[in-house]
């Protein structure tokens, strides 16, 4: 992994990849229970952190002004 990090000029940890996967999984329609199981979390506590981030994304996107087309 270090070779690829040097190529792109940033440091990426396995945790970072796992975090991005969880967020994108939820943003694309997975439910919290599927995410918990996929990530192997024993309890919903850790998974709830990811769900909270995704929910804040949704709240932020609903506050954006609507653009007219045309």
PDB file of N, CA and C in Angstrom:
ATOM      1  N   UNK A   1       0.810  -1.177   0.000  1.00  0.00           N
ATOM      2  CA  UNK A   1       0.000   0.000   0.000  1.00  0.00           C
ATOM      3  C   UNK A   1       0.868   1.261   0.000  1.00  0.00           C
ATOM      4  N   UNK A   2       2.017   1.200   0.641  1.00  0.00           N
ATOM      5  CA  UNK A   2       2.898   2.367   0.717  1.00  0.00           C
ATOM      6  C   UNK A   2       3.333   2.847  -0.665  1.00  0.00           C
ATOM      7  N   UNK A   3       3.535   1.912  -1.573  1.00  0.00           N
ATOM      8  CA  UNK A   3       3.939   2.273  -2.935  1.00  0.00           C
ATOM      9  C   UNK A   3       2.880   3.154  -3.582  1.00  0.00           C
ATOM     10  N   UNK A   4       1.615   2.788  -3.423  1.00  0.00           N
ATOM     11  CA  UNK A   4       0.526   3.549  -4.018  1.00  0.00           C
ATOM     12  C   UNK A   4       0.346   4.895  -3.335  1.00  0.00           C
ATOM     13  N   UNK A   5       0.547   4.928  -2.046  1.00  0.00           N
ATOM     14  CA  UNK A   5       0.452   6.190  -1.315  1.00  0.00           C
ATOM     15  C   UNK A   5       1.505   7.180  -1.812  1.00  0.00           C
ATOM     16  N   UNK A   6       2.699   6.686  -2.049  1.00  0.00           N
ATOM     17  CA  UNK A   6       3.762   7.556  -2.563  1.00  0.00           C
ATOM     18  C   UNK A   6       3.419   8.057  -3.955  1.00  0.00           C
ATOM     19  N   UNK A   7       2.824   7.199  -4.777  1.00  0.00           N
ATOM     20  CA  UNK A   7       2.462   7.593  -6.146  1.00  0.00           C
ATOM     21  C   UNK A   7       1.426   8.709  -6.158  1.00  0.00           C
ATOM     22  N   UNK A   8       0.459   8.644  -5.241  1.00  0.00           N
ATOM     23  CA  UNK A   8      -0.585   9.665  -5.243  1.00  0.00           C
ATOM     24  C   UNK A   8      -0.277  10.822  -4.290  1.00  0.00           C
ATOM     25  N   UNK A   9       0.789  10.693  -3.530  1.00  0.00           N
ATOM     26  CA  UNK A   9       1.242  11.782  -2.676  1.00  0.00           C
ATOM     27  C   UNK A   9       0.448  11.986  -1.398  1.00  0.00           C
ATOM     28  N   UNK A  10      -0.131  10.942  -0.873  1.00  0.00           N
ATOM     29  CA  UNK A  10      -0.871  11.037   0.386  1.00  0.00           C
ATOM     30  C   UNK A  10      -0.763   9.725   1.136  1.00  0.00           C
ATOM     31  N   UNK A  11      -1.065   9.773   2.412  1.00  0.00           N
ATOM     32  CA  UNK A  11      -1.000   8.559   3.227  1.00  0.00           C
ATOM     33  C   UNK A  11      -2.412   8.034   3.443  1.00  0.00           C
ATOM     34  N   UNK A  12      -2.643   6.796   3.092  1.00  0.00           N
ATOM     35  CA  UNK A  12      -3.949   6.165   3.271  1.00  0.00           C
ATOM     36  C   UNK A  12      -3.762   4.939   4.145  1.00  0.00           C
ATOM     37  N   UNK A  13      -4.591   4.852   5.172  1.00  0.00           N
ATOM     38  CA  UNK A  13      -4.560   3.700   6.069  1.00  0.00           C
ATOM     39  C   UNK A  13      -5.702   2.759   5.712  1.00  0.00           C
ATOM     40  N   UNK A  14      -5.607   1.500   6.065  1.00  0.00           N
ATOM     41  CA  UNK A  14      -6.728   0.577   5.830  1.00  0.00           C
ATOM     42  C   UNK A  14      -8.027   1.105   6.454  1.00  0.00           C
ATOM     43  N   UNK A  15      -7.926   1.765   7.607  1.00  0.00           N
ATOM     44  CA  UNK A  15      -9.101   2.351   8.245  1.00  0.00           C
ATOM     45  C   UNK A  15      -9.779   3.362   7.314  1.00  0.00           C
ATOM     46  N   UNK A  16      -8.981   4.158   6.610  1.00  0.00           N
ATOM     47  CA  UNK A  16      -9.538   5.161   5.705  1.00  0.00           C
ATOM     48  C   UNK A  16     -10.376   4.504   4.604  1.00  0.00           C
ATOM     49  N   UNK A  17      -9.868   3.407   4.060  1.00  0.00           N
ATOM     50  CA  UNK A  17     -10.599   2.698   3.009  1.00  0.00           C
ATOM     51  C   UNK A  17     -11.896   2.110   3.558  1.00  0.00           C
ATOM     52  N   UNK A  18     -11.830   1.583   4.749  1.00  0.00           N
ATOM     53  CA  UNK A  18     -13.005   1.007   5.398  1.00  0.00           C
ATOM     54  C   UNK A  18     -14.059   2.087   5.667  1.00  0.00           C
ATOM     55  N   UNK A  19     -13.598   3.243   6.115  1.00  0.00           N
ATOM     56  CA  UNK A  19     -14.480   4.365   6.410  1.00  0.00           C
ATOM     57  C   UNK A  19     -15.189   4.844   5.137  1.00  0.00           C
ATOM     58  N   UNK A  20     -14.437   5.023   4.076  1.00  0.00           N
ATOM     59  CA  UNK A  20     -15.021   5.463   2.805  1.00  0.00           C
ATOM     60  C   UNK A  20     -16.007   4.421   2.287  1.00  0.00           C
ATOM     61  N   UNK A  21     -15.649   3.146   2.397  1.00  0.00           N
ATOM     62  CA  UNK A  21     -16.570   2.092   1.965  1.00  0.00           C
ATOM     63  C   UNK A  21     -17.886   2.196   2.719  1.00  0.00           C
ATOM     64  N   UNK A  22     -17.821   2.321   4.037  1.00  0.00           N
ATOM     65  CA  UNK A  22     -19.038   2.373   4.857  1.00  0.00           C
ATOM     66  C   UNK A  22     -19.912   3.555   4.468  1.00  0.00           C
ATOM     67  N   UNK A  23     -19.308   4.713   4.303  1.00  0.00           N
ATOM     68  CA  UNK A  23     -20.088   5.894   3.928  1.00  0.00           C
ATOM     69  C   UNK A  23     -20.735   5.734   2.557  1.00  0.00           C
ATOM     70  N   UNK A  24     -19.979   5.272   1.589  1.00  0.00           N
ATOM     71  CA  UNK A  24     -20.536   5.108   0.244  1.00  0.00           C
ATOM     72  C   UNK A  24     -21.594   4.010   0.199  1.00  0.00           C
ATOM     73  N   UNK A  25     -21.400   2.969   0.977  1.00  0.00           N
ATOM     74  CA  UNK A  25     -22.363   1.875   1.063  1.00  0.00           C
ATOM     75  C   UNK A  25     -23.700   2.420   1.555  1.00  0.00           C
ATOM     76  N   UNK A  26     -23.664   3.235   2.612  1.00  0.00           N
ATOM     77  CA  UNK A  26     -24.883   3.840   3.154  1.00  0.00           C
ATOM     78  C   UNK A  26     -25.475   4.865   2.199  1.00  0.00           C
ATOM     79  N   UNK A  27     -24.634   5.701   1.614  1.00  0.00           N
ATOM     80  CA  UNK A  27     -25.117   6.746   0.692  1.00  0.00           C
ATOM     81  C   UNK A  27     -25.788   6.154  -0.538  1.00  0.00           C
ATOM     82  N   UNK A  28     -25.430   4.940  -0.864  1.00  0.00           N
ATOM     83  CA  UNK A  28     -26.006   4.293  -2.046  1.00  0.00           C
ATOM     84  C   UNK A  28     -27.145   3.343  -1.703  1.00  0.00           C
ATOM     85  N   UNK A  29     -27.711   3.504  -0.515  1.00  0.00           N
ATOM     86  CA  UNK A  29     -28.934   2.803  -0.206  1.00  0.00           C
ATOM     87  C   UNK A  29     -28.870   1.634   0.758  1.00  0.00           C
ATOM     88  N   UNK A  30     -27.707   1.264   1.228  1.00  0.00           N
ATOM     89  CA  UNK A  30     -27.636   0.165   2.198  1.00  0.00           C
ATOM     90  C   UNK A  30     -28.243   0.626   3.517  1.00  0.00           C
ATOM     91  N   UNK A  31     -28.821  -0.288   4.248  1.00  0.00           N
ATOM     92  CA  UNK A  31     -29.353   0.094   5.553  1.00  0.00           C
ATOM     93  C   UNK A  31     -28.290  -0.134   6.634  1.00  0.00           C
ATOM     94  N   UNK A  32     -28.571   0.374   7.810  1.00  0.00           N
ATOM     95  CA  UNK A  32     -27.598   0.317   8.902  1.00  0.00           C
ATOM     96  C   UNK A  32     -27.268  -1.119   9.305  1.00  0.00           C
ATOM     97  N   UNK A  33     -28.256  -1.991   9.267  1.00  0.00           N
ATOM     98  CA  UNK A  33     -28.013  -3.378   9.676  1.00  0.00           C
ATOM     99  C   UNK A  33     -27.118  -4.111   8.678  1.00  0.00           C
ATOM    100  N   UNK A  34     -27.327  -3.861   7.388  1.00  0.00           N
ATOM    101  CA  UNK A  34     -26.455  -4.461   6.368  1.00  0.00           C
ATOM    102  C   UNK A  34     -25.035  -3.931   6.516  1.00  0.00           C
ATOM    103  N   UNK A  35     -24.925  -2.640   6.816  1.00  0.00           N
ATOM    104  CA  UNK A  35     -23.602  -2.036   6.999  1.00  0.00           C
ATOM    105  C   UNK A  35     -22.912  -2.636   8.223  1.00  0.00           C
ATOM    106  N   UNK A  36     -23.649  -2.784   9.318  1.00  0.00           N
ATOM    107  CA  UNK A  36     -23.080  -3.375  10.529  1.00  0.00           C
ATOM    108  C   UNK A  36     -22.546  -4.769  10.239  1.00  0.00           C
ATOM    109  N   UNK A  37     -23.339  -5.543   9.570  1.00  0.00           N
ATOM    110  CA  UNK A  37     -22.941  -6.927   9.285  1.00  0.00           C
ATOM    111  C   UNK A  37     -21.747  -6.979   8.332  1.00  0.00           C
ATOM    112  N   UNK A  38     -21.778  -6.161   7.294  1.00  0.00           N
ATOM    113  CA  UNK A  38     -20.694  -6.135   6.305  1.00  0.00           C
ATOM    114  C   UNK A  38     -19.369  -5.734   6.943  1.00  0.00           C
ATOM    115  N   UNK A  39     -19.417  -4.752   7.848  1.00  0.00           N
ATOM    116  CA  UNK A  39     -18.194  -4.286   8.499  1.00  0.00           C
ATOM    117  C   UNK A  39     -17.764  -5.168   9.664  1.00  0.00           C
ATOM    118  N   UNK A  40     -18.653  -6.058  10.101  1.00  0.00           N
ATOM    119  CA  UNK A  40     -18.317  -6.962  11.184  1.00  0.00           C
ATOM    120  C   UNK A  40     -18.380  -6.325  12.558  1.00  0.00           C
ATOM    121  N   UNK A  41     -19.165  -5.256  12.690  1.00  0.00           N
ATOM    122  CA  UNK A  41     -19.312  -4.623  13.997  1.00  0.00           C
ATOM    123  C   UNK A  41     -20.171  -5.512  14.901  1.00  0.00           C
ATOM    124  N   UNK A  42     -19.718  -5.714  16.123  1.00  0.00           N
ATOM    125  CA  UNK A  42     -20.459  -6.548  17.067  1.00  0.00           C
ATOM    126  C   UNK A  42     -21.717  -5.849  17.568  1.00  0.00           C
ATOM    127  N   UNK A  43     -21.638  -4.521  17.677  1.00  0.00           N
ATOM    128  CA  UNK A  43     -22.794  -3.749  18.128  1.00  0.00           C
ATOM    129  C   UNK A  43     -23.089  -2.649  17.115  1.00  0.00           C
ATOM    130  N   UNK A  44     -24.252  -2.041  17.264  1.00  0.00           N
ATOM    131  CA  UNK A  44     -24.651  -0.976  16.344  1.00  0.00           C
ATOM    132  C   UNK A  44     -23.973   0.357  16.681  1.00  0.00           C
ATOM    133  N   UNK A  45     -23.309   0.452  17.828  1.00  0.00           N
ATOM    134  CA  UNK A  45     -22.702   1.719  18.247  1.00  0.00           C
ATOM    135  C   UNK A  45     -21.758   2.303  17.200  1.00  0.00           C
ATOM    136  N   UNK A  46     -20.822   1.517  16.728  1.00  0.00           N
ATOM    137  CA  UNK A  46     -19.857   2.017  15.753  1.00  0.00           C
ATOM    138  C   UNK A  46     -20.543   2.340  14.438  1.00  0.00           C
ATOM    139  N   UNK A  47     -21.447   1.499  14.022  1.00  0.00           N
ATOM    140  CA  UNK A  47     -22.163   1.709  12.767  1.00  0.00           C
ATOM    141  C   UNK A  47     -22.968   3.000  12.833  1.00  0.00           C
ATOM    142  N   UNK A  48     -23.508   3.342  13.987  1.00  0.00           N
ATOM    143  CA  UNK A  48     -24.304   4.555  14.139  1.00  0.00           C
ATOM    144  C   UNK A  48     -23.490   5.799  13.831  1.00  0.00           C
ATOM    145  N   UNK A  49     -22.202   5.759  14.049  1.00  0.00           N
ATOM    146  CA  UNK A  49     -21.349   6.910  13.701  1.00  0.00           C
ATOM    147  C   UNK A  49     -21.394   7.173  12.202  1.00  0.00           C
ATOM    148  N   UNK A  50     -21.315   6.105  11.428  1.00  0.00           N
ATOM    149  CA  UNK A  50     -21.377   6.250   9.973  1.00  0.00           C
ATOM    150  C   UNK A  50     -22.758   6.737   9.537  1.00  0.00           C
ATOM    151  N   UNK A  51     -23.799   6.188  10.143  1.00  0.00           N
ATOM    152  CA  UNK A  51     -25.168   6.566   9.806  1.00  0.00           C
ATOM    153  C   UNK A  51     -25.380   8.050  10.107  1.00  0.00           C
ATOM    154  N   UNK A  52     -24.847   8.537  11.215  1.00  0.00           N
ATOM    155  CA  UNK A  52     -24.990   9.948  11.591  1.00  0.00           C
ATOM    156  C   UNK A  52     -24.355  10.852  10.541  1.00  0.00           C
ATOM    157  N   UNK A  53     -23.208  10.473  10.028  1.00  0.00           N
ATOM    158  CA  UNK A  53     -22.536  11.269   8.997  1.00  0.00           C
ATOM    159  C   UNK A  53     -23.383  11.312   7.733  1.00  0.00           C
ATOM    160  N   UNK A  54     -23.898  10.175   7.328  1.00  0.00           N
ATOM    161  CA  UNK A  54     -24.718  10.110   6.121  1.00  0.00           C
ATOM    162  C   UNK A  54     -26.005  10.912   6.311  1.00  0.00           C
ATOM    163  N   UNK A  55     -26.624  10.833   7.487  1.00  0.00           N
ATOM    164  CA  UNK A  55     -27.830  11.612   7.753  1.00  0.00           C
ATOM    165  C   UNK A  55     -27.550  13.105   7.688  1.00  0.00           C
ATOM    166  N   UNK A  56     -26.380  13.524   8.155  1.00  0.00           N
ATOM    167  CA  UNK A  56     -26.048  14.952   8.069  1.00  0.00           C
ATOM    168  C   UNK A  56     -25.858  15.358   6.610  1.00  0.00           C
ATOM    169  N   UNK A  57     -25.362  14.449   5.761  1.00  0.00           N
ATOM    170  CA  UNK A  57     -25.278  14.712   4.317  1.00  0.00           C
ATOM    171  C   UNK A  57     -26.666  14.982   3.755  1.00  0.00           C
ATOM    172  N   UNK A  58     -27.618  14.139   4.151  1.00  0.00           N
ATOM    173  CA  UNK A  58     -28.986  14.275   3.644  1.00  0.00           C
ATOM    174  C   UNK A  58     -29.608  15.593   4.079  1.00  0.00           C
ATOM    175  N   UNK A  59     -29.406  15.954   5.328  1.00  0.00           N
ATOM    176  CA  UNK A  59     -29.956  17.220   5.825  1.00  0.00           C
ATOM    177  C   UNK A  59     -29.360  18.404   5.071  1.00  0.00           C
ATOM    178  N   UNK A  60     -28.057  18.343   4.846  1.00  0.00           N
ATOM    179  CA  UNK A  60     -27.376  19.426   4.133  1.00  0.00           C
ATOM    180  C   UNK A  60     -27.887  19.530   2.702  1.00  0.00           C
ATOM    181  N   UNK A  61     -28.111  18.398   2.055  1.00  0.00           N
ATOM    182  CA  UNK A  61     -28.551  18.430   0.657  1.00  0.00           C
ATOM    183  C   UNK A  61     -29.987  18.932   0.521  1.00  0.00           C
ATOM    184  N   UNK A  62     -30.812  18.747   1.533  1.00  0.00           N
ATOM    185  CA  UNK A  62     -32.186  19.239   1.442  1.00  0.00           C
ATOM    186  C   UNK A  62     -32.267  20.735   1.704  1.00  0.00           C
ATOM    187  N   UNK A  63     -31.231  21.313   2.227  1.00  0.00           N
ATOM    188  CA  UNK A  63     -31.204  22.762   2.472  1.00  0.00           C
ATOM    189  C   UNK A  63     -30.716  23.548   1.255  1.00  0.00           C
ATOM    190  N   UNK A  64     -30.184  22.865   0.262  1.00  0.00           N
ATOM    191  CA  UNK A  64     -29.674  23.551  -0.921  1.00  0.00           C
ATOM    192  C   UNK A  64     -30.836  24.135  -1.719  1.00  0.00           C
ATOM    193  N   UNK A  65     -30.646  25.326  -2.283  1.00  0.00           N
ATOM    194  CA  UNK A  65     -31.712  25.885  -3.103  1.00  0.00           C
ATOM    195  C   UNK A  65     -31.929  25.060  -4.373  1.00  0.00           C
ATOM    196  N   UNK A  66     -33.139  24.996  -4.813  1.00  0.00           N
ATOM    197  CA  UNK A  66     -33.469  24.242  -6.012  1.00  0.00           C
ATOM    198  C   UNK A  66     -33.182  25.096  -7.227  1.00  0.00           C
ATOM    199  N   UNK A  67     -32.462  24.526  -8.190  1.00  0.00           N
ATOM    200  CA  UNK A  67     -32.163  25.262  -9.425  1.00  0.00           C
ATOM    201  C   UNK A  67     -33.202  24.935 -10.464  1.00  0.00           C
ATOM    202  N   UNK A  68     -33.610  25.932 -11.199  1.00  0.00           N
ATOM    203  CA  UNK A  68     -34.559  25.667 -12.275  1.00  0.00           C
ATOM    204  C   UNK A  68     -33.795  25.210 -13.507  1.00  0.00           C
ATOM    205  N   UNK A  69     -34.424  24.393 -14.289  1.00  0.00           N
ATOM    206  CA  UNK A  69     -33.809  23.870 -15.508  1.00  0.00           C
ATOM    207  C   UNK A  69     -34.388  24.647 -16.684  1.00  0.00           C
ATOM    208  N   UNK A  70     -33.498  25.124 -17.529  1.00  0.00           N
ATOM    209  CA  UNK A  70     -33.985  25.779 -18.747  1.00  0.00           C
ATOM    210  C   UNK A  70     -33.693  27.171 -18.760  1.00  0.00           C
TER     211      UNK A  70
END
